[in-house]
Amino acid sequence: MTEIDRQFVMDSEDAAEFLRNIADSLDEGEDLKLDGDDWKIFQPMSDEAAMRVFSDEESLEISLRID
């Protein structure tokens, strides 16, 4: 698989749709398929996902790891 390391700035509507796609894949046990203008990701899903939440006075960061 090709490595991809991207950061995105999305409006609220696009961010919600992006997160819904991930949530639906987790909920349905399907393989995760995401794509953008010049990239595509296919990730087989397991029964677990590791989450990390970091918050300070300025921001909130949420990360998700799917192996």
C-alpha atoms as a PDB file:
ATOM      1  CA  MET A   1       0.000   0.000   0.000  1.00  0.00           C
ATOM      2  CA  THR A   2       1.202   3.528  -0.744  1.00  0.00           C
ATOM      3  CA  GLU A   3       1.858   5.719   2.271  1.00  0.00           C
ATOM      4  CA  ILE A   4      -0.208   8.890   2.533  1.00  0.00           C
ATOM      5  CA  ASP A   5       0.297  11.653   5.080  1.00  0.00           C
ATOM      6  CA  ARG A   6      -2.187  14.477   4.550  1.00  0.00           C
ATOM      7  CA  GLN A   7      -3.780  17.193   6.605  1.00  0.00           C
ATOM      8  CA  PHE A   8      -7.076  18.724   5.557  1.00  0.00           C
ATOM      9  CA  VAL A   9      -9.013  21.871   6.235  1.00  0.00           C
ATOM     10  CA  MET A  10     -12.699  21.279   5.568  1.00  0.00           C
ATOM     11  CA  ASP A  11     -15.861  23.188   6.227  1.00  0.00           C
ATOM     12  CA  SER A  12     -18.193  21.674   8.824  1.00  0.00           C
ATOM     13  CA  GLU A  13     -20.428  19.976   6.252  1.00  0.00           C
ATOM     14  CA  ASP A  14     -17.536  18.256   4.450  1.00  0.00           C
ATOM     15  CA  ALA A  15     -15.926  17.215   7.749  1.00  0.00           C
ATOM     16  CA  ALA A  16     -19.221  15.689   8.915  1.00  0.00           C
ATOM     17  CA  GLU A  17     -19.568  13.717   5.667  1.00  0.00           C
ATOM     18  CA  PHE A  18     -15.955  12.511   5.895  1.00  0.00           C
ATOM     19  CA  LEU A  19     -16.518  11.324   9.482  1.00  0.00           C
ATOM     20  CA  ARG A  20     -19.852   9.703   8.552  1.00  0.00           C
ATOM     21  CA  ASN A  21     -18.100   7.636   5.887  1.00  0.00           C
ATOM     22  CA  ILE A  22     -15.619   6.378   8.479  1.00  0.00           C
ATOM     23  CA  ALA A  23     -18.362   5.742  11.058  1.00  0.00           C
ATOM     24  CA  ASP A  24     -20.516   3.842   8.550  1.00  0.00           C
ATOM     25  CA  SER A  25     -17.581   1.605   7.613  1.00  0.00           C
ATOM     26  CA  LEU A  26     -16.884   0.858  11.290  1.00  0.00           C
ATOM     27  CA  ASP A  27     -20.556   0.227  12.026  1.00  0.00           C
ATOM     28  CA  GLU A  28     -21.114  -2.038   9.028  1.00  0.00           C
ATOM     29  CA  GLY A  29     -17.781  -3.874   9.288  1.00  0.00           C
ATOM     30  CA  GLU A  30     -16.916  -2.935   5.726  1.00  0.00           C
ATOM     31  CA  ASP A  31     -13.487  -2.106   4.388  1.00  0.00           C
ATOM     32  CA  LEU A  32     -12.786   1.614   4.603  1.00  0.00           C
ATOM     33  CA  LYS A  33     -12.570   3.445   1.271  1.00  0.00           C
ATOM     34  CA  LEU A  34     -11.716   7.149   1.233  1.00  0.00           C
ATOM     35  CA  ASP A  35     -10.634   9.357  -1.641  1.00  0.00           C
ATOM     36  CA  GLY A  36      -9.741  12.914  -2.455  1.00  0.00           C
ATOM     37  CA  ASP A  37      -8.684  14.934  -5.478  1.00  0.00           C
ATOM     38  CA  ASP A  38      -5.413  13.054  -6.046  1.00  0.00           C
ATOM     39  CA  TRP A  39      -5.406  10.217  -3.512  1.00  0.00           C
ATOM     40  CA  LYS A  40      -7.300   7.061  -2.537  1.00  0.00           C
ATOM     41  CA  ILE A  41      -7.158   4.901   0.580  1.00  0.00           C
ATOM     42  CA  PHE A  42      -8.403   1.352   1.029  1.00  0.00           C
ATOM     43  CA  GLN A  43      -8.055  -0.096   4.531  1.00  0.00           C
ATOM     44  CA  PRO A  44      -9.401  -3.457   5.671  1.00  0.00           C
ATOM     45  CA  MET A  45     -11.288  -3.024   8.946  1.00  0.00           C
ATOM     46  CA  SER A  46     -10.791  -5.014  12.127  1.00  0.00           C
ATOM     47  CA  ASP A  47     -13.150  -5.225  15.091  1.00  0.00           C
ATOM     48  CA  GLU A  48     -11.243  -2.526  17.002  1.00  0.00           C
ATOM     49  CA  ALA A  49     -10.167   1.055  16.461  1.00  0.00           C
ATOM     50  CA  ALA A  50      -7.739   2.916  18.710  1.00  0.00           C
ATOM     51  CA  MET A  51      -8.786   6.461  19.592  1.00  0.00           C
ATOM     52  CA  ARG A  52      -6.813   9.352  21.075  1.00  0.00           C
ATOM     53  CA  VAL A  53      -8.267  12.638  22.273  1.00  0.00           C
ATOM     54  CA  PHE A  54      -6.042  15.585  23.185  1.00  0.00           C
ATOM     55  CA  SER A  55      -7.377  18.890  24.423  1.00  0.00           C
ATOM     56  CA  ASP A  56      -5.712  22.051  25.659  1.00  0.00           C
ATOM     57  CA  GLU A  57      -6.794  25.663  26.023  1.00  0.00           C
ATOM     58  CA  GLU A  58      -6.496  26.340  22.295  1.00  0.00           C
ATOM     59  CA  SER A  59      -7.734  23.254  20.482  1.00  0.00           C
ATOM     60  CA  LEU A  60      -9.037  19.708  20.415  1.00  0.00           C
ATOM     61  CA  GLU A  61      -7.302  16.939  18.482  1.00  0.00           C
ATOM     62  CA  ILE A  62      -8.925  13.566  17.805  1.00  0.00           C
ATOM     63  CA  SER A  63      -7.076  10.720  16.120  1.00  0.00           C
ATOM     64  CA  LEU A  64      -8.215   7.281  15.054  1.00  0.00           C
ATOM     65  CA  ARG A  65      -6.033   4.295  14.219  1.00  0.00           C
ATOM     66  CA  ILE A  66      -7.437   1.391  12.225  1.00  0.00           C
ATOM     67  CA  ASP A  67      -5.182  -1.639  11.796  1.00  0.00           C
END
